N, C-alpha and C. Protein backbone atom coordinates (compact mmCIF):
# COMPACT_ATOMS: atom_id res chain seq x y z
N UNK A 1 -62.04 -135.12 98.96
CA UNK A 1 -61.95 -135.20 100.63
C UNK A 1 -63.05 -135.87 101.71
N UNK A 2 -62.50 -136.79 102.21
CA UNK A 2 -63.53 -138.04 102.47
C UNK A 2 -64.09 -137.82 103.91
N UNK A 3 -63.31 -136.88 104.35
CA UNK A 3 -64.28 -136.03 105.88
C UNK A 3 -64.64 -134.83 105.63
N UNK A 4 -65.80 -134.58 106.57
CA UNK A 4 -66.18 -133.05 106.40
C UNK A 4 -65.70 -132.18 107.45
N UNK A 5 -64.97 -131.02 106.54
CA UNK A 5 -64.22 -130.29 107.83
C UNK A 5 -65.43 -129.45 108.64
N UNK A 6 -64.51 -129.34 109.78
CA UNK A 6 -65.39 -128.37 110.99
C UNK A 6 -64.40 -127.06 110.63
N UNK A 7 -65.49 -125.97 110.76
CA UNK A 7 -65.03 -124.44 110.89
C UNK A 7 -64.15 -124.17 111.98
N UNK A 8 -62.81 -123.69 111.25
CA UNK A 8 -61.79 -123.30 112.06
C UNK A 8 -62.15 -121.91 113.31
N UNK A 9 -63.33 -121.62 112.86
CA UNK A 9 -63.65 -120.21 113.98
C UNK A 9 -64.38 -120.83 114.65
N UNK A 10 -65.64 -121.26 114.28
CA UNK A 10 -66.58 -122.03 115.36
C UNK A 10 -66.83 -123.51 115.75
N UNK A 11 -66.12 -124.21 115.18
CA UNK A 11 -65.76 -125.74 115.23
C UNK A 11 -67.36 -126.46 114.82
N UNK A 12 -68.30 -125.47 114.14
CA UNK A 12 -69.31 -126.33 113.41
C UNK A 12 -68.88 -127.13 112.41
N UNK A 13 -69.74 -127.96 112.19
CA UNK A 13 -69.58 -129.11 110.86
C UNK A 13 -69.85 -128.17 109.72
N UNK A 14 -69.07 -128.25 108.35
CA UNK A 14 -69.38 -127.60 107.42
C UNK A 14 -69.99 -128.32 106.50
N UNK A 15 -70.89 -127.62 105.37
CA UNK A 15 -71.64 -127.80 104.66
C UNK A 15 -71.03 -128.24 103.28
N UNK A 16 -71.23 -129.34 102.66
CA UNK A 16 -70.42 -129.29 101.51
C UNK A 16 -71.47 -128.81 100.28
N UNK A 17 -70.42 -128.27 99.18
CA UNK A 17 -71.11 -127.42 98.18
C UNK A 17 -70.35 -127.03 97.00
N UNK A 18 -70.61 -126.16 96.14
CA UNK A 18 -69.62 -125.49 94.90
C UNK A 18 -70.17 -124.18 94.65
N UNK A 19 -69.51 -123.55 93.97
CA UNK A 19 -69.55 -122.22 93.71
C UNK A 19 -69.68 -122.86 92.00
N UNK A 20 -70.84 -122.14 91.38
CA UNK A 20 -70.81 -122.39 90.06
C UNK A 20 -70.34 -121.07 89.56
N UNK A 21 -69.60 -121.60 87.98
CA UNK A 21 -68.96 -120.85 87.25
C UNK A 21 -69.97 -120.26 85.78
N UNK A 22 -70.54 -119.27 85.94
CA UNK A 22 -71.58 -118.93 85.18
C UNK A 22 -70.83 -118.19 83.74
N UNK A 23 -71.36 -118.87 82.65
CA UNK A 23 -71.17 -118.66 81.24
C UNK A 23 -72.24 -118.35 80.28
N UNK A 24 -72.02 -118.21 79.40
CA UNK A 24 -73.07 -118.47 78.03
C UNK A 24 -73.48 -119.59 77.94
N UNK A 25 -73.03 -120.66 78.28
CA UNK A 25 -73.48 -122.22 78.35
C UNK A 25 -74.51 -122.39 79.38
N UNK A 26 -74.27 -121.66 80.46
CA UNK A 26 -74.82 -122.35 82.00
C UNK A 26 -74.14 -122.45 82.89
N UNK A 27 -74.12 -123.28 84.01
CA UNK A 27 -73.43 -122.92 85.15
C UNK A 27 -72.83 -124.07 85.26
N UNK A 28 -71.23 -123.85 85.35
CA UNK A 28 -70.41 -125.43 85.14
C UNK A 28 -69.59 -125.19 86.74
N UNK A 29 -69.09 -126.14 87.21
CA UNK A 29 -68.41 -126.71 88.43
C UNK A 29 -67.06 -125.90 88.23
N UNK A 30 -66.49 -124.87 89.29
CA UNK A 30 -65.27 -124.36 88.78
C UNK A 30 -64.04 -125.33 89.24
N UNK A 31 -63.02 -125.09 88.30
CA UNK A 31 -61.97 -126.11 88.39
C UNK A 31 -60.57 -125.56 88.88
N UNK A 32 -59.72 -126.37 89.44
CA UNK A 32 -58.38 -125.33 89.79
C UNK A 32 -57.30 -126.01 88.33
N UNK A 33 -56.36 -125.17 88.25
CA UNK A 33 -55.50 -125.06 86.67
C UNK A 33 -54.28 -125.17 87.37
N UNK A 34 -53.33 -126.07 87.27
CA UNK A 34 -51.96 -125.83 87.84
C UNK A 34 -51.32 -124.67 86.94
N UNK A 35 -50.49 -123.99 87.25
CA UNK A 35 -49.41 -122.94 86.79
C UNK A 35 -50.13 -121.39 86.54
N UNK A 36 -49.27 -120.78 85.95
CA UNK A 36 -49.74 -119.59 85.67
C UNK A 36 -50.61 -119.70 84.41
N UNK A 37 -51.32 -118.59 84.45
CA UNK A 37 -52.69 -118.79 82.94
C UNK A 37 -51.75 -118.27 81.63
N UNK A 38 -52.00 -118.74 80.60
CA UNK A 38 -51.60 -118.79 79.58
C UNK A 38 -53.08 -118.22 78.49
N UNK A 39 -52.47 -116.78 78.01
CA UNK A 39 -53.73 -116.33 77.31
C UNK A 39 -53.83 -117.01 75.65
N UNK A 40 -55.15 -117.35 75.66
CA UNK A 40 -55.60 -117.53 74.31
C UNK A 40 -56.23 -116.81 73.37
N UNK A 41 -55.86 -116.69 72.01
CA UNK A 41 -56.40 -115.84 71.13
C UNK A 41 -57.91 -116.25 70.70
N UNK A 42 -58.90 -115.25 70.90
CA UNK A 42 -60.41 -115.38 70.49
C UNK A 42 -60.68 -115.23 69.09
N UNK A 43 -61.01 -115.92 68.65
CA UNK A 43 -61.88 -115.50 66.93
C UNK A 43 -63.06 -115.99 66.67
N UNK A 44 -63.91 -115.50 65.97
CA UNK A 44 -65.05 -115.88 65.45
C UNK A 44 -65.07 -115.83 63.80
N UNK A 45 -65.16 -116.90 63.20
CA UNK A 45 -64.99 -116.66 62.03
C UNK A 45 -63.98 -116.22 61.15
N UNK A 46 -62.73 -116.81 61.97
CA UNK A 46 -61.69 -116.42 61.45
C UNK A 46 -60.95 -114.81 61.92
N UNK A 47 -62.17 -114.04 62.75
CA UNK A 47 -61.50 -112.87 62.75
C UNK A 47 -61.64 -112.62 64.17
N UNK A 48 -60.12 -112.01 64.70
CA UNK A 48 -59.91 -111.91 66.00
C UNK A 48 -60.92 -110.77 66.56
N UNK A 49 -61.27 -111.26 67.95
CA UNK A 49 -62.05 -110.42 68.78
C UNK A 49 -60.93 -109.58 69.60
N UNK A 50 -61.28 -108.49 69.87
CA UNK A 50 -60.64 -107.87 71.16
C UNK A 50 -61.02 -108.10 72.38
N UNK A 51 -60.00 -108.55 73.55
CA UNK A 51 -60.48 -109.13 74.53
C UNK A 51 -61.00 -108.16 75.63
N UNK A 52 -62.20 -108.20 76.18
CA UNK A 52 -62.48 -107.30 77.12
C UNK A 52 -62.12 -107.86 78.32
N UNK A 53 -62.16 -109.44 78.47
CA UNK A 53 -61.92 -109.92 79.22
C UNK A 53 -60.70 -111.15 79.01
N UNK A 54 -59.66 -111.57 79.75
CA UNK A 54 -58.86 -112.35 79.44
C UNK A 54 -59.18 -113.65 78.88
N UNK A 55 -59.41 -114.48 78.19
CA UNK A 55 -59.25 -115.66 77.76
C UNK A 55 -58.17 -116.40 78.13
N UNK A 56 -58.11 -117.97 78.84
CA UNK A 56 -57.13 -118.50 78.87
C UNK A 56 -57.07 -119.62 78.57
N UNK A 57 -56.02 -120.48 77.95
CA UNK A 57 -55.96 -121.79 77.41
C UNK A 57 -55.89 -122.53 78.75
N UNK A 58 -57.01 -123.77 78.56
CA UNK A 58 -57.06 -124.62 79.57
C UNK A 58 -56.78 -125.96 78.95
N UNK A 59 -55.77 -126.71 79.74
CA UNK A 59 -55.44 -128.34 79.42
C UNK A 59 -55.93 -128.87 80.95
N UNK A 60 -57.09 -129.62 80.19
CA UNK A 60 -58.05 -130.19 81.00
C UNK A 60 -57.51 -131.87 81.96
N UNK A 61 -56.30 -131.73 81.22
CA UNK A 61 -56.22 -133.38 82.02
C UNK A 61 -55.35 -132.73 83.19
N UNK A 62 -54.98 -131.64 83.47
CA UNK A 62 -54.42 -131.23 84.71
C UNK A 62 -55.72 -130.41 85.87
N UNK A 63 -56.59 -130.44 85.33
CA UNK A 63 -57.76 -129.52 86.27
C UNK A 63 -57.90 -130.68 87.17
N UNK A 64 -58.58 -130.02 88.59
CA UNK A 64 -59.22 -130.54 89.72
C UNK A 64 -60.34 -129.64 89.98
N UNK A 65 -61.63 -130.62 90.27
CA UNK A 65 -63.02 -129.74 90.40
C UNK A 65 -62.75 -129.58 91.72
N UNK A 66 -63.26 -128.04 92.16
CA UNK A 66 -62.98 -127.10 93.26
C UNK A 66 -64.58 -127.80 94.25
N UNK A 67 -64.43 -128.19 95.34
CA UNK A 67 -65.76 -128.36 96.35
C UNK A 67 -65.26 -127.34 97.26
N UNK A 68 -66.31 -126.56 97.96
CA UNK A 68 -66.26 -125.40 98.64
C UNK A 68 -67.34 -125.88 99.70
N UNK A 69 -66.53 -125.63 100.94
CA UNK A 69 -67.30 -126.19 102.15
C UNK A 69 -67.83 -124.81 103.09
N UNK A 70 -69.36 -124.66 103.45
CA UNK A 70 -69.48 -123.42 104.35
C UNK A 70 -70.10 -123.77 105.50
N UNK A 71 -69.32 -122.77 106.42
CA UNK A 71 -69.87 -123.07 108.03
C UNK A 71 -71.65 -122.50 108.02
N UNK A 72 -72.23 -123.29 108.22
CA UNK A 72 -73.59 -122.63 108.59
C UNK A 72 -73.76 -121.69 109.70
N UNK A 73 -72.99 -121.63 110.38
CA UNK A 73 -73.04 -120.50 111.73
C UNK A 73 -72.81 -119.62 111.38
N UNK A 74 -71.16 -119.41 110.71
CA UNK A 74 -70.61 -117.99 110.38
C UNK A 74 -70.30 -117.56 109.30
N UNK A 75 -70.69 -118.45 108.26
CA UNK A 75 -70.62 -118.38 106.88
C UNK A 75 -69.20 -118.40 106.14
N UNK A 76 -68.03 -118.75 106.76
CA UNK A 76 -67.00 -119.21 106.27
C UNK A 76 -66.83 -120.15 105.10
N UNK A 77 -66.06 -119.74 104.15
CA UNK A 77 -65.90 -120.62 102.87
C UNK A 77 -65.04 -121.31 103.11
N UNK A 78 -64.33 -122.46 102.71
CA UNK A 78 -63.14 -123.26 102.64
C UNK A 78 -63.22 -123.82 101.02
N UNK A 79 -62.31 -123.74 100.51
CA UNK A 79 -62.54 -124.45 98.95
C UNK A 79 -60.70 -125.37 99.07
N UNK A 80 -61.52 -126.66 98.37
CA UNK A 80 -60.47 -127.84 98.08
C UNK A 80 -60.43 -128.29 96.71
N UNK A 81 -59.51 -128.47 96.38
CA UNK A 81 -59.42 -128.93 94.42
C UNK A 81 -58.92 -130.44 95.19
N UNK A 82 -59.90 -131.39 94.75
CA UNK A 82 -60.39 -132.49 94.65
C UNK A 82 -59.74 -133.39 93.70
């Protein structure tokens, strides 16, 4: 996004940032992925793991980084896939 958006509620210029996705590898930038999630099997050393949370297959060629803007006045967040 080439221009900084203004808050639709209070007309203040928004601040650019991102919402980190925390994993065991550290913090990553959240991405947008087209379509519906497709389940992926999880295994360690050939043994299937029971999923407590859904693991999905990600084709990184279709992903877009998500930039989130925050209004410093009212706190509204707006996210855009860039």
